[in-house]
Amino acid sequence: MDLRVSIKKKLRDFTLDVDFAVRDEIFALLGASGCGKSMTLKCIAGIETPDAGKIILDGRTLFDSAKKINLPPQARRAGFLFQNCALFPNMTVAENILFAATGDKLSKLKENLARFRLDGLEDAYPNQLSGGQLQRVALARVLTSHAEFLLLDEPFSALDSHLKWQLELQLAEIFKLYGAAILVSHDRGEIFRLANSVVVMDAGKLDAQGSVRKIFARPTTRAAAILTGCKNISAAKKISDQKIFAEDWQLELTAANVPDDLKFCAVHADAIQLRAADCNTFKLSVARVIEDTDSLIVLFEKNLRAEVPKLARKNFGNEVTIHFPPERILLLCR
């Protein structure tokens, strides 16, 4: 699949302005609520109309404002999984699944009832189903359609962690059938596990883009750092090619290849080490220690936090020596 999206649409608080391509991959849109992720999917599906731009799928124009082309949703062949499932309340499970089905409908119904463990619920109505069952019916409906690619809008947002994990495993198998999809989420864990590439969205614009592992390991912007889970972020100034000053922390740090247009620095909580070293070593007061499921979260003065394994250290005094590895300091230009 080769999907090219270049659109603009004026929204209430900002203008959606995105330009990206998806090629035979699981492509994710990551961003805070209200940043334009869902609207982007709706424009691709034909549910909403952009003000300007183009949407082209495998050389077939789905939307072109200049040429006045705007194919209806059913002609775009996109399998859209809505955030709220969007099942028809007056239809049974079987009727919902077969609503957009093509080909051998009976065979597809049996296959997807079994795949999503919905056997015995064929005659049930949506108001008789649990949240997990509703989501599985919605996924089954997508798979029985003639969709060429998938658009998934926060598919697990209303589920508890156990159901979420089960459906995530099923979705990973479904992706193998299609080979390409766009996944919208504000859950960085979902995106890291399921997607190949990711775009970070901020107020309607693309803030950072690249492979999932690269963006998560080395975010290049403040918004990307926040959304990929970095908790320690400070305004920063360049002192030299190897030195910066973290203004919020009031610390001078050694770093590598400091850019001239440096705006912020950041460091992942699990990168901070509880030890002394030749550089970037400081004694900080401990404000609080919080026990998490798999780690200890140590909150220091200066609004810094470290995460360490529970066995790493059980007793913390009033002050702790910490080390910022220079290679783990993120240098952000916006």
C-alpha atoms as a PDB file:
ATOM      1  CA  MET A   1       0.000   0.000   0.000  1.00  0.00           C
ATOM      2  CA  ASP A   2       1.171   3.490  -0.850  1.00  0.00           C
ATOM      3  CA  LEU A   3      -0.977   6.144   0.832  1.00  0.00           C
ATOM      4  CA  ARG A   4      -0.048   9.808   0.490  1.00  0.00           C
ATOM      5  CA  VAL A   5      -1.799  12.397   2.642  1.00  0.00           C
ATOM      6  CA  SER A   6      -1.276  16.148   2.308  1.00  0.00           C
ATOM      7  CA  ILE A   7      -4.249  18.081   3.696  1.00  0.00           C
ATOM      8  CA  LYS A   8      -5.314  21.179   5.583  1.00  0.00           C
ATOM      9  CA  LYS A   9      -8.500  21.753   7.538  1.00  0.00           C
ATOM     10  CA  LYS A  10      -9.444  24.685   9.780  1.00  0.00           C
ATOM     11  CA  LEU A  11     -10.606  23.468  13.175  1.00  0.00           C
ATOM     12  CA  ARG A  12     -11.850  25.439  16.170  1.00  0.00           C
ATOM     13  CA  ASP A  13      -8.510  25.900  17.953  1.00  0.00           C
ATOM     14  CA  PHE A  14      -5.975  25.361  15.165  1.00  0.00           C
ATOM     15  CA  THR A  15      -5.541  24.381  11.534  1.00  0.00           C
ATOM     16  CA  LEU A  16      -4.877  20.725  10.819  1.00  0.00           C
ATOM     17  CA  ASP A  17      -1.885  20.690   8.465  1.00  0.00           C
ATOM     18  CA  VAL A  18      -0.380  17.252   7.818  1.00  0.00           C
ATOM     19  CA  ASP A  19       1.790  15.777   5.084  1.00  0.00           C
ATOM     20  CA  PHE A  20       2.954  12.150   5.269  1.00  0.00           C
ATOM     21  CA  ALA A  21       3.168   8.869   3.353  1.00  0.00           C
ATOM     22  CA  VAL A  22       2.437   5.297   4.463  1.00  0.00           C
ATOM     23  CA  ARG A  23       4.064   2.466   2.551  1.00  0.00           C
ATOM     24  CA  ASP A  24       3.403  -1.177   3.502  1.00  0.00           C
ATOM     25  CA  GLU A  25       3.739  -0.609   7.234  1.00  0.00           C
ATOM     26  CA  ILE A  26       1.855  -0.090  10.460  1.00  0.00           C
ATOM     27  CA  PHE A  27       1.906   3.682  10.774  1.00  0.00           C
ATOM     28  CA  ALA A  28       0.951   5.413  14.013  1.00  0.00           C
ATOM     29  CA  LEU A  29      -0.254   8.892  14.900  1.00  0.00           C
ATOM     30  CA  LEU A  30       0.753   9.719  18.472  1.00  0.00           C
ATOM     31  CA  GLY A  31      -0.466  12.809  20.237  1.00  0.00           C
ATOM     32  CA  ALA A  32      -2.369  14.289  23.144  1.00  0.00           C
ATOM     33  CA  SER A  33      -6.168  14.327  23.076  1.00  0.00           C
ATOM     34  CA  GLY A  34      -7.519  16.987  20.729  1.00  0.00           C
ATOM     35  CA  CYS A  35      -4.363  17.372  18.613  1.00  0.00           C
ATOM     36  CA  GLY A  36      -6.050  16.318  15.330  1.00  0.00           C
ATOM     37  CA  LYS A  37      -5.314  12.579  15.174  1.00  0.00           C
ATOM     38  CA  SER A  38      -8.914  11.413  14.814  1.00  0.00           C
ATOM     39  CA  MET A  39      -9.761  14.200  12.364  1.00  0.00           C
ATOM     40  CA  THR A  40      -6.867  13.074  10.163  1.00  0.00           C
ATOM     41  CA  LEU A  41      -8.303   9.541  10.046  1.00  0.00           C
ATOM     42  CA  LYS A  42     -11.788  10.838   9.290  1.00  0.00           C
ATOM     43  CA  CYS A  43     -10.458  12.913   6.391  1.00  0.00           C
ATOM     44  CA  ILE A  44      -8.683   9.857   4.959  1.00  0.00           C
ATOM     45  CA  ALA A  45     -11.830   7.756   5.325  1.00  0.00           C
ATOM     46  CA  GLY A  46     -14.026  10.413   3.694  1.00  0.00           C
ATOM     47  CA  ILE A  47     -16.130  11.058   6.788  1.00  0.00           C
ATOM     48  CA  GLU A  48     -14.781  14.613   6.981  1.00  0.00           C
ATOM     49  CA  THR A  49     -13.705  16.833   4.088  1.00  0.00           C
ATOM     50  CA  PRO A  50     -10.396  18.758   4.179  1.00  0.00           C
ATOM     51  CA  ASP A  51     -10.356  22.388   3.096  1.00  0.00           C
ATOM     52  CA  ALA A  52      -7.418  21.755   0.776  1.00  0.00           C
ATOM     53  CA  GLY A  53      -4.956  19.112  -0.293  1.00  0.00           C
ATOM     54  CA  LYS A  54      -4.741  15.591  -1.707  1.00  0.00           C
ATOM     55  CA  ILE A  55      -5.208  12.005  -0.536  1.00  0.00           C
ATOM     56  CA  ILE A  56      -3.905   9.358  -2.953  1.00  0.00           C
ATOM     57  CA  LEU A  57      -3.988   5.580  -2.430  1.00  0.00           C
ATOM     58  CA  ASP A  58      -1.885   3.409  -4.752  1.00  0.00           C
ATOM     59  CA  GLY A  59      -2.158   6.023  -7.507  1.00  0.00           C
ATOM     60  CA  ARG A  60      -5.940   6.341  -7.058  1.00  0.00           C
ATOM     61  CA  THR A  61      -7.066   9.833  -6.023  1.00  0.00           C
ATOM     62  CA  LEU A  62      -9.442   9.734  -3.072  1.00  0.00           C
ATOM     63  CA  PHE A  63      -9.465  13.479  -2.550  1.00  0.00           C
ATOM     64  CA  ASP A  64      -8.098  16.442  -4.493  1.00  0.00           C
ATOM     65  CA  SER A  65      -9.429  19.886  -3.642  1.00  0.00           C
ATOM     66  CA  ALA A  66      -7.993  21.483  -6.794  1.00  0.00           C
ATOM     67  CA  LYS A  67      -9.585  18.897  -9.095  1.00  0.00           C
ATOM     68  CA  LYS A  68     -12.773  18.732  -6.988  1.00  0.00           C
ATOM     69  CA  ILE A  69     -12.414  14.981  -6.427  1.00  0.00           C
ATOM     70  CA  ASN A  70     -13.929  13.659  -3.198  1.00  0.00           C
ATOM     71  CA  LEU A  71     -14.779   9.966  -3.234  1.00  0.00           C
ATOM     72  CA  PRO A  72     -17.480   8.860  -0.758  1.00  0.00           C
ATOM     73  CA  PRO A  73     -16.378   6.624   2.157  1.00  0.00           C
ATOM     74  CA  GLN A  74     -17.677   3.411   0.592  1.00  0.00           C
ATOM     75  CA  ALA A  75     -15.582   4.017  -2.534  1.00  0.00           C
ATOM     76  CA  ARG A  76     -12.353   4.549  -0.587  1.00  0.00           C
ATOM     77  CA  ARG A  77     -12.254   0.957   0.701  1.00  0.00           C
ATOM     78  CA  ALA A  78     -10.937   1.885   4.134  1.00  0.00           C
ATOM     79  CA  GLY A  79     -11.762  -0.310   7.109  1.00  0.00           C
ATOM     80  CA  PHE A  80     -12.489   2.250   9.843  1.00  0.00           C
ATOM     81  CA  LEU A  81     -12.589   1.129  13.472  1.00  0.00           C
ATOM     82  CA  PHE A  82     -14.235   3.928  15.438  1.00  0.00           C
ATOM     83  CA  GLN A  83     -13.184   4.876  18.933  1.00  0.00           C
ATOM     84  CA  ASN A  84     -16.678   4.153  20.270  1.00  0.00           C
ATOM     85  CA  CYS A  85     -17.213   1.024  18.084  1.00  0.00           C
ATOM     86  CA  ALA A  86     -20.188   2.707  16.292  1.00  0.00           C
ATOM     87  CA  LEU A  87     -22.257  -0.482  16.095  1.00  0.00           C
ATOM     88  CA  PHE A  88     -25.862  -0.238  14.974  1.00  0.00           C
ATOM     89  CA  PRO A  89     -27.969  -0.633  18.153  1.00  0.00           C
ATOM     90  CA  ASN A  90     -30.965  -2.069  16.282  1.00  0.00           C
ATOM     91  CA  MET A  91     -28.881  -4.805  14.615  1.00  0.00           C
ATOM     92  CA  THR A  92     -27.725  -8.099  16.056  1.00  0.00           C
ATOM     93  CA  VAL A  93     -24.081  -9.091  16.290  1.00  0.00           C
ATOM     94  CA  ALA A  94     -24.382 -11.066  13.054  1.00  0.00           C
ATOM     95  CA  GLU A  95     -26.109  -8.214  11.245  1.00  0.00           C
ATOM     96  CA  ASN A  96     -23.493  -5.717  12.400  1.00  0.00           C
ATOM     97  CA  ILE A  97     -20.636  -7.954  11.279  1.00  0.00           C
ATOM     98  CA  LEU A  98     -22.188  -8.525   7.856  1.00  0.00           C
ATOM     99  CA  PHE A  99     -23.284  -4.913   7.282  1.00  0.00           C
ATOM    100  CA  ALA A 100     -20.483  -4.187   4.793  1.00  0.00           C
ATOM    101  CA  ALA A 101     -19.519  -7.761   4.002  1.00  0.00           C
ATOM    102  CA  THR A 102     -18.677  -8.914   0.499  1.00  0.00           C
ATOM    103  CA  GLY A 103     -18.148 -12.352  -1.004  1.00  0.00           C
ATOM    104  CA  ASP A 104     -19.106 -15.483   0.923  1.00  0.00           C
ATOM    105  CA  LYS A 105     -20.897 -13.812   3.822  1.00  0.00           C
ATOM    106  CA  LEU A 106     -21.751 -16.982   5.745  1.00  0.00           C
ATOM    107  CA  SER A 107     -18.164 -18.182   5.636  1.00  0.00           C
ATOM    108  CA  LYS A 108     -16.861 -14.786   6.758  1.00  0.00           C
ATOM    109  CA  LEU A 109     -19.374 -14.643   9.590  1.00  0.00           C
ATOM    110  CA  LYS A 110     -18.352 -18.066  10.923  1.00  0.00           C
ATOM    111  CA  GLU A 111     -14.656 -17.279  10.568  1.00  0.00           C
ATOM    112  CA  ASN A 112     -14.876 -14.014  12.492  1.00  0.00           C
ATOM    113  CA  LEU A 113     -17.232 -15.290  15.166  1.00  0.00           C
ATOM    114  CA  ALA A 114     -14.625 -17.938  15.909  1.00  0.00           C
ATOM    115  CA  ARG A 115     -11.632 -15.568  15.572  1.00  0.00           C
ATOM    116  CA  PHE A 116     -13.056 -13.103  18.100  1.00  0.00           C
ATOM    117  CA  ARG A 117     -14.689 -15.673  20.417  1.00  0.00           C
ATOM    118  CA  LEU A 118     -18.188 -14.421  19.647  1.00  0.00           C
ATOM    119  CA  ASP A 119     -19.814 -17.823  19.054  1.00  0.00           C
ATOM    120  CA  GLY A 120     -23.248 -17.924  20.645  1.00  0.00           C
ATOM    121  CA  LEU A 121     -23.678 -14.148  20.495  1.00  0.00           C
ATOM    122  CA  GLU A 122     -24.892 -13.954  16.897  1.00  0.00           C
ATOM    123  CA  ASP A 123     -28.405 -12.891  17.918  1.00  0.00           C
ATOM    124  CA  ALA A 124     -27.396 -10.552  20.746  1.00  0.00           C
ATOM    125  CA  TYR A 125     -27.766  -6.786  20.446  1.00  0.00           C
ATOM    126  CA  PRO A 126     -25.019  -4.260  21.296  1.00  0.00           C
ATOM    127  CA  ASN A 127     -26.683  -3.215  24.571  1.00  0.00           C
ATOM    128  CA  GLN A 128     -26.348  -6.819  25.763  1.00  0.00           C
ATOM    129  CA  LEU A 129     -22.570  -6.951  25.242  1.00  0.00           C
ATOM    130  CA  SER A 130     -19.585  -6.032  27.383  1.00  0.00           C
ATOM    131  CA  GLY A 131     -17.049  -3.422  26.280  1.00  0.00           C
ATOM    132  CA  GLY A 132     -14.618  -6.085  25.108  1.00  0.00           C
ATOM    133  CA  GLN A 133     -17.314  -7.892  23.131  1.00  0.00           C
ATOM    134  CA  LEU A 134     -18.409  -4.652  21.468  1.00  0.00           C
ATOM    135  CA  GLN A 135     -14.850  -3.964  20.345  1.00  0.00           C
ATOM    136  CA  ARG A 136     -14.435  -7.502  19.001  1.00  0.00           C
ATOM    137  CA  VAL A 137     -17.670  -7.168  17.002  1.00  0.00           C
ATOM    138  CA  ALA A 138     -16.414  -3.878  15.565  1.00  0.00           C
ATOM    139  CA  LEU A 139     -13.123  -5.518  14.540  1.00  0.00           C
ATOM    140  CA  ALA A 140     -15.010  -8.433  12.990  1.00  0.00           C
ATOM    141  CA  ARG A 141     -17.143  -6.005  10.967  1.00  0.00           C
ATOM    142  CA  VAL A 142     -14.015  -4.332   9.595  1.00  0.00           C
ATOM    143  CA  LEU A 143     -12.538  -7.677   8.522  1.00  0.00           C
ATOM    144  CA  THR A 144     -15.653  -8.805   6.645  1.00  0.00           C
ATOM    145  CA  SER A 145     -15.720  -5.638   4.542  1.00  0.00           C
ATOM    146  CA  HIS A 146     -13.860  -5.125   1.271  1.00  0.00           C
ATOM    147  CA  ALA A 147     -11.351  -2.821   2.974  1.00  0.00           C
ATOM    148  CA  GLU A 148      -7.905  -2.472   1.401  1.00  0.00           C
ATOM    149  CA  PHE A 149      -6.361  -0.854   4.470  1.00  0.00           C
ATOM    150  CA  LEU A 150      -7.241  -0.233   8.113  1.00  0.00           C
ATOM    151  CA  LEU A 151      -7.809   3.002  10.023  1.00  0.00           C
ATOM    152  CA  LEU A 152      -7.957   2.371  13.774  1.00  0.00           C
ATOM    153  CA  ASP A 153      -8.994   5.212  16.078  1.00  0.00           C
ATOM    154  CA  GLU A 154      -7.867   4.451  19.649  1.00  0.00           C
ATOM    155  CA  PRO A 155      -9.084   0.846  19.421  1.00  0.00           C
ATOM    156  CA  PHE A 156      -8.474   0.002  23.096  1.00  0.00           C
ATOM    157  CA  SER A 157      -9.353   3.263  24.854  1.00  0.00           C
ATOM    158  CA  ALA A 158     -12.427   1.927  26.684  1.00  0.00           C
ATOM    159  CA  LEU A 159     -11.017  -1.452  27.746  1.00  0.00           C
ATOM    160  CA  ASP A 160      -9.439  -2.695  30.955  1.00  0.00           C
ATOM    161  CA  SER A 161      -5.813  -3.836  30.830  1.00  0.00           C
ATOM    162  CA  HIS A 162      -6.610  -7.559  30.510  1.00  0.00           C
ATOM    163  CA  LEU A 163      -9.033  -7.154  27.593  1.00  0.00           C
ATOM    164  CA  LYS A 164      -6.736  -4.595  26.033  1.00  0.00           C
ATOM    165  CA  TRP A 165      -3.840  -7.042  25.993  1.00  0.00           C
ATOM    166  CA  GLN A 166      -5.964  -9.833  24.482  1.00  0.00           C
ATOM    167  CA  LEU A 167      -7.263  -7.604  21.688  1.00  0.00           C
ATOM    168  CA  GLU A 168      -3.819  -6.174  21.069  1.00  0.00           C
ATOM    169  CA  LEU A 169      -2.513  -9.673  20.382  1.00  0.00           C
ATOM    170  CA  GLN A 170      -5.404 -10.282  17.983  1.00  0.00           C
ATOM    171  CA  LEU A 171      -4.812  -6.977  16.267  1.00  0.00           C
ATOM    172  CA  ALA A 172      -1.152  -7.841  15.709  1.00  0.00           C
ATOM    173  CA  GLU A 173      -2.302 -10.968  13.858  1.00  0.00           C
ATOM    174  CA  ILE A 174      -4.832  -8.943  11.846  1.00  0.00           C
ATOM    175  CA  PHE A 175      -2.094  -6.559  10.749  1.00  0.00           C
ATOM    176  CA  LYS A 176      -0.325  -9.533   9.155  1.00  0.00           C
ATOM    177  CA  LEU A 177      -3.366 -10.028   6.884  1.00  0.00           C
ATOM    178  CA  TYR A 178      -3.362  -6.426   5.670  1.00  0.00           C
ATOM    179  CA  GLY A 179       0.286  -5.452   5.898  1.00  0.00           C
ATOM    180  CA  ALA A 180      -0.611  -1.767   6.243  1.00  0.00           C
ATOM    181  CA  ALA A 181      -2.679   0.280   8.657  1.00  0.00           C
ATOM    182  CA  ILE A 182      -2.858   3.634  10.407  1.00  0.00           C
ATOM    183  CA  LEU A 183      -3.214   3.454  14.173  1.00  0.00           C
ATOM    184  CA  VAL A 184      -4.238   6.463  16.249  1.00  0.00           C
ATOM    185  CA  SER A 185      -3.408   6.459  19.946  1.00  0.00           C
ATOM    186  CA  HIS A 186      -2.163   8.532  22.859  1.00  0.00           C
ATOM    187  CA  ASP A 187      -0.864   5.346  24.503  1.00  0.00           C
ATOM    188  CA  ARG A 188       2.848   5.149  23.749  1.00  0.00           C
ATOM    189  CA  GLY A 189       2.985   1.479  24.818  1.00  0.00           C
ATOM    190  CA  GLU A 190       0.435   0.454  22.182  1.00  0.00           C
ATOM    191  CA  ILE A 191       2.335   2.283  19.491  1.00  0.00           C
ATOM    192  CA  PHE A 192       5.721   0.909  20.512  1.00  0.00           C
ATOM    193  CA  ARG A 193       4.430  -2.678  20.437  1.00  0.00           C
ATOM    194  CA  LEU A 194       2.298  -2.498  17.298  1.00  0.00           C
ATOM    195  CA  ALA A 195       3.685   0.114  14.889  1.00  0.00           C
ATOM    196  CA  ASN A 196       6.712   0.370  12.610  1.00  0.00           C
ATOM    197  CA  SER A 197       6.688   4.140  12.055  1.00  0.00           C
ATOM    198  CA  VAL A 198       5.227   6.983  14.066  1.00  0.00           C
ATOM    199  CA  VAL A 199       4.325  10.628  13.595  1.00  0.00           C
ATOM    200  CA  VAL A 200       4.080  12.820  16.685  1.00  0.00           C
ATOM    201  CA  MET A 201       1.264  15.356  16.331  1.00  0.00           C
ATOM    202  CA  ASP A 202       1.022  18.622  18.235  1.00  0.00           C
ATOM    203  CA  ALA A 203      -1.852  21.095  17.706  1.00  0.00           C
ATOM    204  CA  GLY A 204      -2.638  19.839  14.207  1.00  0.00           C
ATOM    205  CA  LYS A 205       0.931  19.690  12.907  1.00  0.00           C
ATOM    206  CA  LEU A 206       3.514  16.951  12.535  1.00  0.00           C
ATOM    207  CA  ASP A 207       6.139  17.542  15.199  1.00  0.00           C
ATOM    208  CA  ALA A 208       8.442  14.554  14.625  1.00  0.00           C
ATOM    209  CA  GLN A 209       8.418  11.512  12.345  1.00  0.00           C
ATOM    210  CA  GLY A 210      10.468   8.341  11.999  1.00  0.00           C
ATOM    211  CA  SER A 211      10.795   4.725  13.041  1.00  0.00           C
ATOM    212  CA  VAL A 212       9.130   3.914  16.351  1.00  0.00           C
ATOM    213  CA  ARG A 213      12.340   2.811  18.025  1.00  0.00           C
ATOM    214  CA  LYS A 214      14.291   5.833  16.851  1.00  0.00           C
ATOM    215  CA  ILE A 215      11.653   8.352  17.952  1.00  0.00           C
ATOM    216  CA  PHE A 216      11.213   6.699  21.342  1.00  0.00           C
ATOM    217  CA  ALA A 217      14.945   6.344  21.990  1.00  0.00           C
ATOM    218  CA  ARG A 218      16.036   9.760  20.671  1.00  0.00           C
ATOM    219  CA  PRO A 219      13.114  12.195  20.389  1.00  0.00           C
ATOM    220  CA  THR A 220      14.179  15.443  18.744  1.00  0.00           C
ATOM    221  CA  THR A 221      11.487  17.838  20.005  1.00  0.00           C
ATOM    222  CA  ARG A 222       9.966  18.698  23.370  1.00  0.00           C
ATOM    223  CA  ALA A 223       6.516  17.446  22.317  1.00  0.00           C
ATOM    224  CA  ALA A 224       7.969  14.149  21.111  1.00  0.00           C
ATOM    225  CA  ALA A 225       9.956  13.735  24.326  1.00  0.00           C
ATOM    226  CA  ILE A 226       6.843  14.265  26.456  1.00  0.00           C
ATOM    227  CA  LEU A 227       4.631  11.953  24.405  1.00  0.00           C
ATOM    228  CA  THR A 228       7.209   9.162  24.342  1.00  0.00           C
ATOM    229  CA  GLY A 229       7.382   9.175  28.125  1.00  0.00           C
ATOM    230  CA  CYS A 230      10.282  11.440  29.078  1.00  0.00           C
ATOM    231  CA  LYS A 231       9.583  13.051  32.469  1.00  0.00           C
ATOM    232  CA  ASN A 232      12.731  15.165  32.906  1.00  0.00           C
ATOM    233  CA  ILE A 233      12.728  18.174  30.541  1.00  0.00           C
ATOM    234  CA  SER A 234      14.338  21.569  31.029  1.00  0.00           C
ATOM    235  CA  ALA A 235      14.881  24.732  29.030  1.00  0.00           C
ATOM    236  CA  ALA A 236      18.550  24.757  28.032  1.00  0.00           C
ATOM    237  CA  LYS A 237      21.295  26.959  26.609  1.00  0.00           C
ATOM    238  CA  LYS A 238      24.431  26.017  24.746  1.00  0.00           C
ATOM    239  CA  ILE A 239      27.686  26.839  26.506  1.00  0.00           C
ATOM    240  CA  SER A 240      30.010  25.038  24.083  1.00  0.00           C
ATOM    241  CA  ASP A 241      29.990  22.073  21.729  1.00  0.00           C
ATOM    242  CA  GLN A 242      30.229  19.792  24.773  1.00  0.00           C
ATOM    243  CA  LYS A 243      28.516  21.829  27.490  1.00  0.00           C
ATOM    244  CA  ILE A 244      24.956  22.995  28.185  1.00  0.00           C
ATOM    245  CA  PHE A 245      23.165  24.756  31.022  1.00  0.00           C
ATOM    246  CA  ALA A 246      19.830  23.223  32.089  1.00  0.00           C
ATOM    247  CA  GLU A 247      17.955  26.300  33.292  1.00  0.00           C
ATOM    248  CA  ASP A 248      15.094  24.596  35.133  1.00  0.00           C
ATOM    249  CA  TRP A 249      17.514  22.321  37.014  1.00  0.00           C
ATOM    250  CA  GLN A 250      20.250  24.959  37.398  1.00  0.00           C
ATOM    251  CA  LEU A 251      22.835  22.361  36.353  1.00  0.00           C
ATOM    252  CA  GLU A 252      25.761  22.565  33.941  1.00  0.00           C
ATOM    253  CA  LEU A 253      25.967  19.309  31.982  1.00  0.00           C
ATOM    254  CA  THR A 254      28.416  17.686  29.635  1.00  0.00           C
ATOM    255  CA  ALA A 255      26.738  16.487  26.436  1.00  0.00           C
ATOM    256  CA  ALA A 256      27.791  15.499  22.938  1.00  0.00           C
ATOM    257  CA  ASN A 257      27.558  17.615  19.770  1.00  0.00           C
ATOM    258  CA  VAL A 258      25.462  20.415  21.181  1.00  0.00           C
ATOM    259  CA  PRO A 259      23.535  22.193  18.387  1.00  0.00           C
ATOM    260  CA  ASP A 260      23.560  25.975  18.084  1.00  0.00           C
ATOM    261  CA  ASP A 261      19.760  26.189  18.143  1.00  0.00           C
ATOM    262  CA  LEU A 262      19.350  24.210  21.378  1.00  0.00           C
ATOM    263  CA  LYS A 263      16.092  25.014  23.191  1.00  0.00           C
ATOM    264  CA  PHE A 264      15.565  22.158  25.650  1.00  0.00           C
ATOM    265  CA  CYS A 265      17.360  19.175  27.124  1.00  0.00           C
ATOM    266  CA  ALA A 266      15.819  16.006  28.490  1.00  0.00           C
ATOM    267  CA  VAL A 267      16.790  12.734  30.094  1.00  0.00           C
ATOM    268  CA  HIS A 268      14.706   9.597  30.587  1.00  0.00           C
ATOM    269  CA  ALA A 269      14.080   8.708  34.218  1.00  0.00           C
ATOM    270  CA  ASP A 270      15.664   5.284  33.801  1.00  0.00           C
ATOM    271  CA  ALA A 271      18.826   6.871  32.360  1.00  0.00           C
ATOM    272  CA  ILE A 272      19.695   8.665  35.598  1.00  0.00           C
ATOM    273  CA  GLN A 273      22.165   6.543  37.579  1.00  0.00           C
ATOM    274  CA  LEU A 274      22.605   6.478  41.347  1.00  0.00           C
ATOM    275  CA  ARG A 275      26.377   6.681  41.376  1.00  0.00           C
ATOM    276  CA  ALA A 276      29.311   9.054  40.987  1.00  0.00           C
ATOM    277  CA  ALA A 277      31.246   9.501  37.735  1.00  0.00           C
ATOM    278  CA  ASP A 278      33.845  11.792  36.169  1.00  0.00           C
ATOM    279  CA  CYS A 279      31.219  14.230  34.894  1.00  0.00           C
ATOM    280  CA  ASN A 280      27.576  15.148  35.385  1.00  0.00           C
ATOM    281  CA  THR A 281      27.630  14.012  39.006  1.00  0.00           C
ATOM    282  CA  PHE A 282      25.532  15.877  41.577  1.00  0.00           C
ATOM    283  CA  LYS A 283      24.197  15.459  45.088  1.00  0.00           C
ATOM    284  CA  LEU A 284      20.473  16.125  45.200  1.00  0.00           C
ATOM    285  CA  SER A 285      17.942  16.086  48.016  1.00  0.00           C
ATOM    286  CA  VAL A 286      15.381  13.299  47.898  1.00  0.00           C
ATOM    287  CA  ALA A 287      11.828  14.635  48.113  1.00  0.00           C
ATOM    288  CA  ARG A 288       9.960  11.329  47.913  1.00  0.00           C
ATOM    289  CA  VAL A 289      10.351   7.658  46.977  1.00  0.00           C
ATOM    290  CA  ILE A 290       7.366   5.945  45.350  1.00  0.00           C
ATOM    291  CA  GLU A 291       7.125   2.201  44.889  1.00  0.00           C
ATOM    292  CA  ASP A 292       5.759   1.295  41.450  1.00  0.00           C
ATOM    293  CA  THR A 293       4.920  -2.191  40.186  1.00  0.00           C
ATOM    294  CA  ASP A 294       8.402  -2.927  38.829  1.00  0.00           C
ATOM    295  CA  SER A 295      10.551  -0.045  40.009  1.00  0.00           C
ATOM    296  CA  LEU A 296      11.192   2.681  42.535  1.00  0.00           C
ATOM    297  CA  ILE A 297      10.453   6.231  41.441  1.00  0.00           C
ATOM    298  CA  VAL A 298      12.789   8.662  43.196  1.00  0.00           C
ATOM    299  CA  LEU A 299      11.653  12.300  43.176  1.00  0.00           C
ATOM    300  CA  PHE A 300      14.446  14.810  43.706  1.00  0.00           C
ATOM    301  CA  GLU A 301      14.620  18.544  44.161  1.00  0.00           C
ATOM    302  CA  LYS A 302      14.740  20.604  40.957  1.00  0.00           C
ATOM    303  CA  ASN A 303      11.756  18.625  39.592  1.00  0.00           C
ATOM    304  CA  LEU A 304      13.872  15.618  38.587  1.00  0.00           C
ATOM    305  CA  ARG A 305      12.961  11.968  38.848  1.00  0.00           C
ATOM    306  CA  ALA A 306      14.793   8.677  38.457  1.00  0.00           C
ATOM    307  CA  GLU A 307      13.407   5.186  38.061  1.00  0.00           C
ATOM    308  CA  VAL A 308      15.497   2.305  39.393  1.00  0.00           C
ATOM    309  CA  PRO A 309      14.872  -1.441  39.856  1.00  0.00           C
ATOM    310  CA  LYS A 310      13.397  -2.294  43.241  1.00  0.00           C
ATOM    311  CA  LEU A 311      16.468  -4.345  44.149  1.00  0.00           C
ATOM    312  CA  ALA A 312      18.889  -1.581  43.194  1.00  0.00           C
ATOM    313  CA  ARG A 313      18.571   0.263  46.472  1.00  0.00           C
ATOM    314  CA  LYS A 314      16.099  -0.071  49.302  1.00  0.00           C
ATOM    315  CA  ASN A 315      17.058   2.793  51.616  1.00  0.00           C
ATOM    316  CA  PHE A 316      17.472   6.396  50.530  1.00  0.00           C
ATOM    317  CA  GLY A 317      18.924   9.101  52.712  1.00  0.00           C
ATOM    318  CA  ASN A 318      18.159  12.797  52.523  1.00  0.00           C
ATOM    319  CA  GLU A 319      20.696  13.205  49.728  1.00  0.00           C
ATOM    320  CA  VAL A 320      21.677  10.921  46.876  1.00  0.00           C
ATOM    321  CA  THR A 321      24.519  11.141  44.372  1.00  0.00           C
ATOM    322  CA  ILE A 322      23.268  10.895  40.801  1.00  0.00           C
ATOM    323  CA  HIS A 323      24.914  10.777  37.396  1.00  0.00           C
ATOM    324  CA  PHE A 324      23.615  11.906  33.996  1.00  0.00           C
ATOM    325  CA  PRO A 325      25.390   9.836  31.293  1.00  0.00           C
ATOM    326  CA  PRO A 326      26.315  12.379  28.584  1.00  0.00           C
ATOM    327  CA  GLU A 327      25.230  10.028  25.791  1.00  0.00           C
ATOM    328  CA  ARG A 328      21.738   9.768  27.337  1.00  0.00           C
ATOM    329  CA  ILE A 329      21.079  13.508  27.417  1.00  0.00           C
ATOM    330  CA  LEU A 330      18.579  14.475  24.711  1.00  0.00           C
ATOM    331  CA  LEU A 331      19.215  17.787  22.965  1.00  0.00           C
ATOM    332  CA  LEU A 332      16.002  19.312  21.617  1.00  0.00           C
ATOM    333  CA  CYS A 333      15.844  22.204  19.174  1.00  0.00           C
ATOM    334  CA  ARG A 334      12.137  22.938  19.586  1.00  0.00           C
END
